[in-house]
Amino acid sequence: MSENNQLRDVYDAIADPTRRRLIRLLAEAEEIPLHELTAQFQMGRTAVSKHLTILKEVGLVLDRKVGRETRFRLNASPLQEIQDWVAFYSKFWSTNMLRLNQLLEEEEE
């Protein structure tokens, strides 16, 4: 494994808009062959494959061979790390929204 792969995590994997779109496409289907995924982008098969490889490295994408075709599917469990991180900080957003509501109510009075 290269040093670059060792440093990659789920946050890095979803930072790219193309990879987020791939995740969305995979979430909307049970399984998608590479050629169908490639048809959704303005880039070649090799570029899409590189993005899929990054997603596979962090466990977000699983693949299987069916004859000469490779099919991909989403494994959303690594996204739980992001959900947990966001959930921790949501208390700060909630507190700020409560304060804003209180200020608005005070101004109305």
PDB file of N, CA and C in Angstrom:
ATOM      1  N   MET A   1       0.851  -1.184   0.000  1.00  0.00           N
ATOM      2  CA  MET A   1       0.000   0.000   0.000  1.00  0.00           C
ATOM      3  C   MET A   1       0.891   1.241   0.000  1.00  0.00           C
ATOM      4  N   SER A   2       0.605   2.188  -0.845  1.00  0.00           N
ATOM      5  CA  SER A   2       1.425   3.395  -0.914  1.00  0.00           C
ATOM      6  C   SER A   2       1.114   4.324   0.249  1.00  0.00           C
ATOM      7  N   GLU A   3       2.004   5.278   0.466  1.00  0.00           N
ATOM      8  CA  GLU A   3       1.805   6.249   1.553  1.00  0.00           C
ATOM      9  C   GLU A   3       0.518   7.033   1.338  1.00  0.00           C
ATOM     10  N   ASN A   4       0.210   7.371   0.094  1.00  0.00           N
ATOM     11  CA  ASN A   4      -1.005   8.119  -0.228  1.00  0.00           C
ATOM     12  C   ASN A   4      -2.254   7.340   0.186  1.00  0.00           C
ATOM     13  N   ASN A   5      -2.262   6.036  -0.054  1.00  0.00           N
ATOM     14  CA  ASN A   5      -3.406   5.212   0.323  1.00  0.00           C
ATOM     15  C   ASN A   5      -3.548   5.102   1.833  1.00  0.00           C
ATOM     16  N   GLN A   6      -2.427   5.088   2.546  1.00  0.00           N
ATOM     17  CA  GLN A   6      -2.472   4.984   4.002  1.00  0.00           C
ATOM     18  C   GLN A   6      -3.093   6.233   4.615  1.00  0.00           C
ATOM     19  N   LEU A   7      -2.925   7.369   3.970  1.00  0.00           N
ATOM     20  CA  LEU A   7      -3.435   8.618   4.501  1.00  0.00           C
ATOM     21  C   LEU A   7      -4.890   8.863   4.131  1.00  0.00           C
ATOM     22  N   ARG A   8      -5.403   8.127   3.187  1.00  0.00           N
ATOM     23  CA  ARG A   8      -6.760   8.356   2.710  1.00  0.00           C
ATOM     24  C   ARG A   8      -7.768   7.797   3.726  1.00  0.00           C
ATOM     25  N   ASP A   9      -8.802   8.584   3.979  1.00  0.00           N
ATOM     26  CA  ASP A   9      -9.876   8.132   4.851  1.00  0.00           C
ATOM     27  C   ASP A   9     -11.213   8.461   4.194  1.00  0.00           C
ATOM     28  N   VAL A  10     -12.278   8.169   4.891  1.00  0.00           N
ATOM     29  CA  VAL A  10     -13.604   8.368   4.312  1.00  0.00           C
ATOM     30  C   VAL A  10     -13.869   9.850   4.023  1.00  0.00           C
ATOM     31  N   TYR A  11     -13.319  10.735   4.824  1.00  0.00           N
ATOM     32  CA  TYR A  11     -13.496  12.174   4.589  1.00  0.00           C
ATOM     33  C   TYR A  11     -12.827  12.588   3.277  1.00  0.00           C
ATOM     34  N   ASP A  12     -11.627  12.094   3.073  1.00  0.00           N
ATOM     35  CA  ASP A  12     -10.899  12.368   1.833  1.00  0.00           C
ATOM     36  C   ASP A  12     -11.664  11.795   0.637  1.00  0.00           C
ATOM     37  N   ALA A  13     -12.187  10.607   0.808  1.00  0.00           N
ATOM     38  CA  ALA A  13     -12.885   9.941  -0.296  1.00  0.00           C
ATOM     39  C   ALA A  13     -14.130  10.706  -0.736  1.00  0.00           C
ATOM     40  N   ILE A  14     -14.858  11.289   0.204  1.00  0.00           N
ATOM     41  CA  ILE A  14     -16.097  11.991  -0.178  1.00  0.00           C
ATOM     42  C   ILE A  14     -15.874  13.469  -0.462  1.00  0.00           C
ATOM     43  N   ALA A  15     -14.636  13.934  -0.328  1.00  0.00           N
ATOM     44  CA  ALA A  15     -14.342  15.357  -0.561  1.00  0.00           C
ATOM     45  C   ALA A  15     -14.523  15.739  -2.026  1.00  0.00           C
ATOM     46  N   ASP A  16     -14.372  14.804  -2.914  1.00  0.00           N
ATOM     47  CA  ASP A  16     -14.452  15.085  -4.342  1.00  0.00           C
ATOM     48  C   ASP A  16     -15.899  14.982  -4.841  1.00  0.00           C
ATOM     49  N   PRO A  17     -16.388  15.977  -5.585  1.00  0.00           N
ATOM     50  CA  PRO A  17     -17.771  15.951  -6.083  1.00  0.00           C
ATOM     51  C   PRO A  17     -18.079  14.765  -6.993  1.00  0.00           C
ATOM     52  N   THR A  18     -17.107  14.327  -7.756  1.00  0.00           N
ATOM     53  CA  THR A  18     -17.328  13.164  -8.626  1.00  0.00           C
ATOM     54  C   THR A  18     -17.576  11.920  -7.790  1.00  0.00           C
ATOM     55  N   ARG A  19     -16.800  11.756  -6.733  1.00  0.00           N
ATOM     56  CA  ARG A  19     -16.990  10.582  -5.875  1.00  0.00           C
ATOM     57  C   ARG A  19     -18.314  10.656  -5.115  1.00  0.00           C
ATOM     58  N   ARG A  20     -18.700  11.860  -4.708  1.00  0.00           N
ATOM     59  CA  ARG A  20     -20.011  11.994  -4.054  1.00  0.00           C
ATOM     60  C   ARG A  20     -21.121  11.623  -5.026  1.00  0.00           C
ATOM     61  N   ARG A  21     -20.972  12.001  -6.281  1.00  0.00           N
ATOM     62  CA  ARG A  21     -21.984  11.641  -7.291  1.00  0.00           C
ATOM     63  C   ARG A  21     -22.001  10.128  -7.524  1.00  0.00           C
ATOM     64  N   LEU A  22     -20.830   9.515  -7.544  1.00  0.00           N
ATOM     65  CA  LEU A  22     -20.777   8.056  -7.672  1.00  0.00           C
ATOM     66  C   LEU A  22     -21.498   7.378  -6.509  1.00  0.00           C
ATOM     67  N   ILE A  23     -21.269   7.883  -5.318  1.00  0.00           N
ATOM     68  CA  ILE A  23     -21.943   7.328  -4.136  1.00  0.00           C
ATOM     69  C   ILE A  23     -23.451   7.451  -4.294  1.00  0.00           C
ATOM     70  N   ARG A  24     -23.907   8.609  -4.759  1.00  0.00           N
ATOM     71  CA  ARG A  24     -25.347   8.826  -4.952  1.00  0.00           C
ATOM     72  C   ARG A  24     -25.915   7.836  -5.967  1.00  0.00           C
ATOM     73  N   LEU A  25     -25.228   7.679  -7.084  1.00  0.00           N
ATOM     74  CA  LEU A  25     -25.686   6.744  -8.116  1.00  0.00           C
ATOM     75  C   LEU A  25     -25.749   5.323  -7.580  1.00  0.00           C
ATOM     76  N   LEU A  26     -24.742   4.935  -6.832  1.00  0.00           N
ATOM     77  CA  LEU A  26     -24.721   3.590  -6.262  1.00  0.00           C
ATOM     78  C   LEU A  26     -25.791   3.418  -5.191  1.00  0.00           C
ATOM     79  N   ALA A  27     -26.092   4.476  -4.467  1.00  0.00           N
ATOM     80  CA  ALA A  27     -27.133   4.406  -3.436  1.00  0.00           C
ATOM     81  C   ALA A  27     -28.519   4.222  -4.057  1.00  0.00           C
ATOM     82  N   GLU A  28     -28.685   4.707  -5.271  1.00  0.00           N
ATOM     83  CA  GLU A  28     -29.989   4.634  -5.945  1.00  0.00           C
ATOM     84  C   GLU A  28     -30.205   3.317  -6.676  1.00  0.00           C
ATOM     85  N   ALA A  29     -29.192   2.482  -6.743  1.00  0.00           N
ATOM     86  CA  ALA A  29     -29.306   1.205  -7.443  1.00  0.00           C
ATOM     87  C   ALA A  29     -28.697   0.100  -6.585  1.00  0.00           C
ATOM     88  N   GLU A  30     -29.137  -1.100  -6.820  1.00  0.00           N
ATOM     89  CA  GLU A  30     -28.586  -2.221  -6.064  1.00  0.00           C
ATOM     90  C   GLU A  30     -27.145  -2.500  -6.481  1.00  0.00           C
ATOM     91  N   GLU A  31     -26.930  -2.454  -7.782  1.00  0.00           N
ATOM     92  CA  GLU A  31     -25.615  -2.750  -8.334  1.00  0.00           C
ATOM     93  C   GLU A  31     -25.548  -2.143  -9.735  1.00  0.00           C
ATOM     94  N   ILE A  32     -24.390  -1.587 -10.099  1.00  0.00           N
ATOM     95  CA  ILE A  32     -24.263  -0.928 -11.401  1.00  0.00           C
ATOM     96  C   ILE A  32     -22.960  -1.363 -12.065  1.00  0.00           C
ATOM     97  N   PRO A  33     -23.027  -1.763 -13.339  1.00  0.00           N
ATOM     98  CA  PRO A  33     -21.792  -2.088 -14.054  1.00  0.00           C
ATOM     99  C   PRO A  33     -20.988  -0.824 -14.376  1.00  0.00           C
ATOM    100  N   LEU A  34     -19.700  -0.996 -14.527  1.00  0.00           N
ATOM    101  CA  LEU A  34     -18.802   0.131 -14.777  1.00  0.00           C
ATOM    102  C   LEU A  34     -19.228   0.936 -15.996  1.00  0.00           C
ATOM    103  N   HIS A  35     -19.624   0.282 -17.069  1.00  0.00           N
ATOM    104  CA  HIS A  35     -19.974   1.040 -18.276  1.00  0.00           C
ATOM    105  C   HIS A  35     -21.193   1.943 -18.065  1.00  0.00           C
ATOM    106  N   GLU A  36     -22.119   1.530 -17.212  1.00  0.00           N
ATOM    107  CA  GLU A  36     -23.282   2.380 -16.907  1.00  0.00           C
ATOM    108  C   GLU A  36     -22.878   3.567 -16.031  1.00  0.00           C
ATOM    109  N   LEU A  37     -21.979   3.346 -15.106  1.00  0.00           N
ATOM    110  CA  LEU A  37     -21.485   4.455 -14.288  1.00  0.00           C
ATOM    111  C   LEU A  37     -20.733   5.457 -15.155  1.00  0.00           C
ATOM    112  N   THR A  38     -19.885   4.954 -16.032  1.00  0.00           N
ATOM    113  CA  THR A  38     -19.095   5.824 -16.905  1.00  0.00           C
ATOM    114  C   THR A  38     -19.992   6.686 -17.778  1.00  0.00           C
ATOM    115  N   ALA A  39     -21.114   6.145 -18.225  1.00  0.00           N
ATOM    116  CA  ALA A  39     -22.036   6.886 -19.092  1.00  0.00           C
ATOM    117  C   ALA A  39     -22.638   8.099 -18.387  1.00  0.00           C
ATOM    118  N   GLN A  40     -22.564   8.153 -17.064  1.00  0.00           N
ATOM    119  CA  GLN A  40     -23.139   9.254 -16.291  1.00  0.00           C
ATOM    120  C   GLN A  40     -22.182  10.447 -16.143  1.00  0.00           C
ATOM    121  N   PHE A  41     -20.974  10.314 -16.673  1.00  0.00           N
ATOM    122  CA  PHE A  41     -19.945  11.338 -16.474  1.00  0.00           C
ATOM    123  C   PHE A  41     -19.342  11.793 -17.794  1.00  0.00           C
ATOM    124  N   GLN A  42     -18.787  12.987 -17.770  1.00  0.00           N
ATOM    125  CA  GLN A  42     -18.081  13.546 -18.919  1.00  0.00           C
ATOM    126  C   GLN A  42     -16.595  13.216 -18.806  1.00  0.00           C
ATOM    127  N   MET A  43     -16.286  11.976 -18.516  1.00  0.00           N
ATOM    128  CA  MET A  43     -14.898  11.530 -18.400  1.00  0.00           C
ATOM    129  C   MET A  43     -14.837  10.085 -18.851  1.00  0.00           C
ATOM    130  N   GLY A  44     -13.647   9.626 -19.087  1.00  0.00           N
ATOM    131  CA  GLY A  44     -13.462   8.270 -19.573  1.00  0.00           C
ATOM    132  C   GLY A  44     -13.573   7.217 -18.485  1.00  0.00           C
ATOM    133  N   ARG A  45     -13.569   5.992 -18.955  1.00  0.00           N
ATOM    134  CA  ARG A  45     -13.678   4.819 -18.082  1.00  0.00           C
ATOM    135  C   ARG A  45     -12.529   4.768 -17.067  1.00  0.00           C
ATOM    136  N   THR A  46     -11.324   5.120 -17.511  1.00  0.00           N
ATOM    137  CA  THR A  46     -10.166   5.071 -16.616  1.00  0.00           C
ATOM    138  C   THR A  46     -10.321   6.057 -15.461  1.00  0.00           C
ATOM    139  N   ALA A  47     -10.797   7.252 -15.752  1.00  0.00           N
ATOM    140  CA  ALA A  47     -10.976   8.257 -14.698  1.00  0.00           C
ATOM    141  C   ALA A  47     -12.040   7.814 -13.701  1.00  0.00           C
ATOM    142  N   VAL A  48     -13.144   7.275 -14.199  1.00  0.00           N
ATOM    143  CA  VAL A  48     -14.197   6.778 -13.301  1.00  0.00           C
ATOM    144  C   VAL A  48     -13.650   5.632 -12.457  1.00  0.00           C
ATOM    145  N   SER A  49     -12.876   4.753 -13.072  1.00  0.00           N
ATOM    146  CA  SER A  49     -12.279   3.626 -12.340  1.00  0.00           C
ATOM    147  C   SER A  49     -11.364   4.110 -11.218  1.00  0.00           C
ATOM    148  N   LYS A  50     -10.610   5.171 -11.470  1.00  0.00           N
ATOM    149  CA  LYS A  50      -9.723   5.713 -10.429  1.00  0.00           C
ATOM    150  C   LYS A  50     -10.534   6.231  -9.243  1.00  0.00           C
ATOM    151  N   HIS A  51     -11.638   6.907  -9.519  1.00  0.00           N
ATOM    152  CA  HIS A  51     -12.501   7.380  -8.429  1.00  0.00           C
ATOM    153  C   HIS A  51     -13.096   6.199  -7.664  1.00  0.00           C
ATOM    154  N   LEU A  52     -13.523   5.176  -8.387  1.00  0.00           N
ATOM    155  CA  LEU A  52     -14.076   3.985  -7.734  1.00  0.00           C
ATOM    156  C   LEU A  52     -13.021   3.286  -6.878  1.00  0.00           C
ATOM    157  N   THR A  53     -11.788   3.286  -7.322  1.00  0.00           N
ATOM    158  CA  THR A  53     -10.706   2.674  -6.553  1.00  0.00           C
ATOM    159  C   THR A  53     -10.523   3.389  -5.212  1.00  0.00           C
ATOM    160  N   ILE A  54     -10.587   4.691  -5.232  1.00  0.00           N
ATOM    161  CA  ILE A  54     -10.469   5.465  -3.985  1.00  0.00           C
ATOM    162  C   ILE A  54     -11.619   5.116  -3.047  1.00  0.00           C
ATOM    163  N   LEU A  55     -12.819   5.035  -3.589  1.00  0.00           N
ATOM    164  CA  LEU A  55     -13.975   4.666  -2.763  1.00  0.00           C
ATOM    165  C   LEU A  55     -13.845   3.238  -2.234  1.00  0.00           C
ATOM    166  N   LYS A  56     -13.290   2.350  -3.043  1.00  0.00           N
ATOM    167  CA  LYS A  56     -13.078   0.966  -2.597  1.00  0.00           C
ATOM    168  C   LYS A  56     -12.038   0.906  -1.479  1.00  0.00           C
ATOM    169  N   GLU A  57     -11.001   1.736  -1.548  1.00  0.00           N
ATOM    170  CA  GLU A  57      -9.935   1.730  -0.537  1.00  0.00           C
ATOM    171  C   GLU A  57     -10.459   2.033   0.855  1.00  0.00           C
ATOM    172  N   VAL A  58     -11.493   2.856   0.946  1.00  0.00           N
ATOM    173  CA  VAL A  58     -12.048   3.193   2.261  1.00  0.00           C
ATOM    174  C   VAL A  58     -13.274   2.347   2.589  1.00  0.00           C
ATOM    175  N   GLY A  59     -13.606   1.414   1.712  1.00  0.00           N
ATOM    176  CA  GLY A  59     -14.693   0.478   1.985  1.00  0.00           C
ATOM    177  C   GLY A  59     -16.075   0.954   1.593  1.00  0.00           C
ATOM    178  N   LEU A  60     -16.183   2.105   0.908  1.00  0.00           N
ATOM    179  CA  LEU A  60     -17.500   2.617   0.512  1.00  0.00           C
ATOM    180  C   LEU A  60     -18.090   1.893  -0.689  1.00  0.00           C
ATOM    181  N   VAL A  61     -17.251   1.260  -1.480  1.00  0.00           N
ATOM    182  CA  VAL A  61     -17.702   0.570  -2.682  1.00  0.00           C
ATOM    183  C   VAL A  61     -17.169  -0.848  -2.680  1.00  0.00           C
ATOM    184  N   LEU A  62     -18.045  -1.759  -3.050  1.00  0.00           N
ATOM    185  CA  LEU A  62     -17.671  -3.158  -3.226  1.00  0.00           C
ATOM    186  C   LEU A  62     -17.878  -3.493  -4.696  1.00  0.00           C
ATOM    187  N   ASP A  63     -17.081  -4.429  -5.210  1.00  0.00           N
ATOM    188  CA  ASP A  63     -17.249  -4.819  -6.603  1.00  0.00           C
ATOM    189  C   ASP A  63     -17.231  -6.335  -6.730  1.00  0.00           C
ATOM    190  N   ARG A  64     -17.766  -6.791  -7.848  1.00  0.00           N
ATOM    191  CA  ARG A  64     -17.707  -8.216  -8.150  1.00  0.00           C
ATOM    192  C   ARG A  64     -17.699  -8.381  -9.661  1.00  0.00           C
ATOM    193  N   LYS A  65     -17.033  -9.421 -10.092  1.00  0.00           N
ATOM    194  CA  LYS A  65     -16.939  -9.733 -11.511  1.00  0.00           C
ATOM    195  C   LYS A  65     -18.108 -10.631 -11.894  1.00  0.00           C
ATOM    196  N   VAL A  66     -18.739 -10.291 -12.996  1.00  0.00           N
ATOM    197  CA  VAL A  66     -19.772 -11.131 -13.587  1.00  0.00           C
ATOM    198  C   VAL A  66     -19.353 -11.294 -15.045  1.00  0.00           C
ATOM    199  N   GLY A  67     -18.725 -12.418 -15.337  1.00  0.00           N
ATOM    200  CA  GLY A  67     -18.146 -12.597 -16.661  1.00  0.00           C
ATOM    201  C   GLY A  67     -17.010 -11.613 -16.854  1.00  0.00           C
ATOM    202  N   ARG A  68     -17.090 -10.836 -17.926  1.00  0.00           N
ATOM    203  CA  ARG A  68     -16.054  -9.830 -18.183  1.00  0.00           C
ATOM    204  C   ARG A  68     -16.424  -8.470 -17.597  1.00  0.00           C
ATOM    205  N   GLU A  69     -17.570  -8.392 -16.974  1.00  0.00           N
ATOM    206  CA  GLU A  69     -18.094  -7.123 -16.471  1.00  0.00           C
ATOM    207  C   GLU A  69     -17.828  -6.989 -14.965  1.00  0.00           C
ATOM    208  N   THR A  70     -17.491  -5.781 -14.536  1.00  0.00           N
ATOM    209  CA  THR A  70     -17.350  -5.498 -13.107  1.00  0.00           C
ATOM    210  C   THR A  70     -18.557  -4.688 -12.673  1.00  0.00           C
ATOM    211  N   ARG A  71     -19.208  -5.142 -11.622  1.00  0.00           N
ATOM    212  CA  ARG A  71     -20.374  -4.451 -11.073  1.00  0.00           C
ATOM    213  C   ARG A  71     -20.017  -3.897  -9.702  1.00  0.00           C
ATOM    214  N   PHE A  72     -20.562  -2.724  -9.432  1.00  0.00           N
ATOM    215  CA  PHE A  72     -20.254  -2.020  -8.195  1.00  0.00           C
ATOM    216  C   PHE A  72     -21.508  -1.804  -7.372  1.00  0.00           C
ATOM    217  N   ARG A  73     -21.317  -1.797  -6.050  1.00  0.00           N
ATOM    218  CA  ARG A  73     -22.429  -1.490  -5.144  1.00  0.00           C
ATOM    219  C   ARG A  73     -21.895  -0.700  -3.961  1.00  0.00           C
ATOM    220  N   LEU A  74     -22.791   0.011  -3.329  1.00  0.00           N
ATOM    221  CA  LEU A  74     -22.431   0.850  -2.195  1.00  0.00           C
ATOM    222  C   LEU A  74     -22.398   0.043  -0.909  1.00  0.00           C
ATOM    223  N   ASN A  75     -21.408   0.324  -0.092  1.00  0.00           N
ATOM    224  CA  ASN A  75     -21.352  -0.154   1.290  1.00  0.00           C
ATOM    225  C   ASN A  75     -21.336   1.112   2.143  1.00  0.00           C
ATOM    226  N   ALA A  76     -22.473   1.520   2.634  1.00  0.00           N
ATOM    227  CA  ALA A  76     -22.609   2.814   3.310  1.00  0.00           C
ATOM    228  C   ALA A  76     -22.077   2.824   4.743  1.00  0.00           C
ATOM    229  N   SER A  77     -21.709   1.698   5.284  1.00  0.00           N
ATOM    230  CA  SER A  77     -21.303   1.668   6.702  1.00  0.00           C
ATOM    231  C   SER A  77     -20.139   2.605   7.038  1.00  0.00           C
ATOM    232  N   PRO A  78     -19.136   2.818   6.175  1.00  0.00           N
ATOM    233  CA  PRO A  78     -18.089   3.785   6.533  1.00  0.00           C
ATOM    234  C   PRO A  78     -18.608   5.215   6.700  1.00  0.00           C
ATOM    235  N   LEU A  79     -19.770   5.524   6.140  1.00  0.00           N
ATOM    236  CA  LEU A  79     -20.343   6.863   6.290  1.00  0.00           C
ATOM    237  C   LEU A  79     -20.809   7.125   7.718  1.00  0.00           C
ATOM    238  N   GLN A  80     -20.932   6.065   8.515  1.00  0.00           N
ATOM    239  CA  GLN A  80     -21.336   6.228   9.913  1.00  0.00           C
ATOM    240  C   GLN A  80     -20.338   7.103  10.669  1.00  0.00           C
ATOM    241  N   GLU A  81     -19.073   7.007  10.323  1.00  0.00           N
ATOM    242  CA  GLU A  81     -18.044   7.845  10.962  1.00  0.00           C
ATOM    243  C   GLU A  81     -18.353   9.328  10.743  1.00  0.00           C
ATOM    244  N   ILE A  82     -18.781   9.663   9.545  1.00  0.00           N
ATOM    245  CA  ILE A  82     -19.118  11.055   9.234  1.00  0.00           C
ATOM    246  C   ILE A  82     -20.394  11.455   9.961  1.00  0.00           C
ATOM    247  N   GLN A  83     -21.364  10.561   9.983  1.00  0.00           N
ATOM    248  CA  GLN A  83     -22.616  10.837  10.701  1.00  0.00           C
ATOM    249  C   GLN A  83     -22.339  11.111  12.178  1.00  0.00           C
ATOM    250  N   ASP A  84     -21.488  10.314  12.768  1.00  0.00           N
ATOM    251  CA  ASP A  84     -21.149  10.504  14.183  1.00  0.00           C
ATOM    252  C   ASP A  84     -20.465  11.846  14.407  1.00  0.00           C
ATOM    253  N   TRP A  85     -19.573  12.206  13.508  1.00  0.00           N
ATOM    254  CA  TRP A  85     -18.853  13.475  13.624  1.00  0.00           C
ATOM    255  C   TRP A  85     -19.818  14.653  13.517  1.00  0.00           C
ATOM    256  N   VAL A  86     -20.699  14.608  12.542  1.00  0.00           N
ATOM    257  CA  VAL A  86     -21.674  15.687  12.345  1.00  0.00           C
ATOM    258  C   VAL A  86     -22.638  15.745  13.531  1.00  0.00           C
ATOM    259  N   ALA A  87     -23.056  14.592  14.028  1.00  0.00           N
ATOM    260  CA  ALA A  87     -23.995  14.556  15.154  1.00  0.00           C
ATOM    261  C   ALA A  87     -23.407  15.245  16.379  1.00  0.00           C
ATOM    262  N   PHE A  88     -22.118  15.066  16.611  1.00  0.00           N
ATOM    263  CA  PHE A  88     -21.476  15.723  17.753  1.00  0.00           C
ATOM    264  C   PHE A  88     -21.612  17.238  17.639  1.00  0.00           C
ATOM    265  N   TYR A  89     -21.403  17.786  16.459  1.00  0.00           N
ATOM    266  CA  TYR A  89     -21.433  19.234  16.263  1.00  0.00           C
ATOM    267  C   TYR A  89     -22.837  19.798  16.079  1.00  0.00           C
ATOM    268  N   SER A  90     -23.797  18.956  15.843  1.00  0.00           N
ATOM    269  CA  SER A  90     -25.168  19.453  15.651  1.00  0.00           C
ATOM    270  C   SER A  90     -25.715  20.117  16.910  1.00  0.00           C
ATOM    271  N   LYS A  91     -25.209  19.729  18.083  1.00  0.00           N
ATOM    272  CA  LYS A  91     -25.662  20.379  19.316  1.00  0.00           C
ATOM    273  C   LYS A  91     -25.313  21.863  19.312  1.00  0.00           C
ATOM    274  N   PHE A  92     -24.204  22.223  18.680  1.00  0.00           N
ATOM    275  CA  PHE A  92     -23.824  23.627  18.602  1.00  0.00           C
ATOM    276  C   PHE A  92     -24.773  24.394  17.681  1.00  0.00           C
ATOM    277  N   TRP A  93     -25.170  23.748  16.582  1.00  0.00           N
ATOM    278  CA  TRP A  93     -26.114  24.385  15.666  1.00  0.00           C
ATOM    279  C   TRP A  93     -27.463  24.566  16.348  1.00  0.00           C
ATOM    280  N   SER A  94     -27.898  23.545  17.077  1.00  0.00           N
ATOM    281  CA  SER A  94     -29.182  23.616  17.775  1.00  0.00           C
ATOM    282  C   SER A  94     -29.177  24.740  18.800  1.00  0.00           C
ATOM    283  N   THR A  95     -28.098  24.842  19.552  1.00  0.00           N
ATOM    284  CA  THR A  95     -27.978  25.898  20.558  1.00  0.00           C
ATOM    285  C   THR A  95     -28.030  27.271  19.900  1.00  0.00           C
ATOM    286  N   ASN A  96     -27.320  27.438  18.802  1.00  0.00           N
ATOM    287  CA  ASN A  96     -27.324  28.724  18.104  1.00  0.00           C
ATOM    288  C   ASN A  96     -28.705  29.057  17.532  1.00  0.00           C
ATOM    289  N   MET A  97     -29.404  28.065  17.060  1.00  0.00           N
ATOM    290  CA  MET A  97     -30.751  28.306  16.526  1.00  0.00           C
ATOM    291  C   MET A  97     -31.705  28.702  17.649  1.00  0.00           C
ATOM    292  N   LEU A  98     -31.567  28.099  18.818  1.00  0.00           N
ATOM    293  CA  LEU A  98     -32.392  28.484  19.966  1.00  0.00           C
ATOM    294  C   LEU A  98     -32.119  29.923  20.367  1.00  0.00           C
ATOM    295  N   ARG A  99     -30.848  30.303  20.381  1.00  0.00           N
ATOM    296  CA  ARG A  99     -30.480  31.685  20.719  1.00  0.00           C
ATOM    297  C   ARG A  99     -31.057  32.664  19.702  1.00  0.00           C
ATOM    298  N   LEU A 100     -30.975  32.313  18.437  1.00  0.00           N
ATOM    299  CA  LEU A 100     -31.523  33.164  17.386  1.00  0.00           C
ATOM    300  C   LEU A 100     -33.031  33.323  17.555  1.00  0.00           C
ATOM    301  N   ASN A 101     -33.721  32.247  17.835  1.00  0.00           N
ATOM    302  CA  ASN A 101     -35.173  32.314  18.069  1.00  0.00           C
ATOM    303  C   ASN A 101     -35.497  33.218  19.258  1.00  0.00           C
ATOM    304  N   GLN A 102     -34.714  33.101  20.327  1.00  0.00           N
ATOM    305  CA  GLN A 102     -34.941  33.946  21.499  1.00  0.00           C
ATOM    306  C   GLN A 102     -34.733  35.413  21.161  1.00  0.00           C
ATOM    307  N   LEU A 103     -33.677  35.710  20.403  1.00  0.00           N
ATOM    308  CA  LEU A 103     -33.430  37.105  20.009  1.00  0.00           C
ATOM    309  C   LEU A 103     -34.547  37.644  19.133  1.00  0.00           C
ATOM    310  N   LEU A 104     -35.023  36.847  18.228  1.00  0.00           N
ATOM    311  CA  LEU A 104     -36.113  37.290  17.342  1.00  0.00           C
ATOM    312  C   LEU A 104     -37.395  37.530  18.128  1.00  0.00           C
ATOM    313  N   GLU A 105     -37.665  36.661  19.091  1.00  0.00           N
ATOM    314  CA  GLU A 105     -38.865  36.838  19.922  1.00  0.00           C
ATOM    315  C   GLU A 105     -38.742  38.095  20.774  1.00  0.00           C
ATOM    316  N   GLU A 106     -37.554  38.372  21.299  1.00  0.00           N
ATOM    317  CA  GLU A 106     -37.337  39.573  22.104  1.00  0.00           C
ATOM    318  C   GLU A 106     -37.518  40.812  21.274  1.00  0.00           C
ATOM    319  N   GLU A 107     -37.069  40.798  20.043  1.00  0.00           N
ATOM    320  CA  GLU A 107     -37.226  41.965  19.151  1.00  0.00           C
ATOM    321  C   GLU A 107     -38.694  42.202  18.798  1.00  0.00           C
ATOM    322  N   GLU A 108     -39.468  41.141  18.716  1.00  0.00           N
ATOM    323  CA  GLU A 108     -40.882  41.283  18.383  1.00  0.00           C
ATOM    324  C   GLU A 108     -41.665  41.919  19.537  1.00  0.00           C
ATOM    325  N   GLU A 109     -41.208  41.721  20.756  1.00  0.00           N
ATOM    326  CA  GLU A 109     -41.919  42.222  21.937  1.00  0.00           C
ATOM    327  C   GLU A 109     -41.720  43.671  22.130  1.00  0.00           C
TER     328      GLU A 109
END
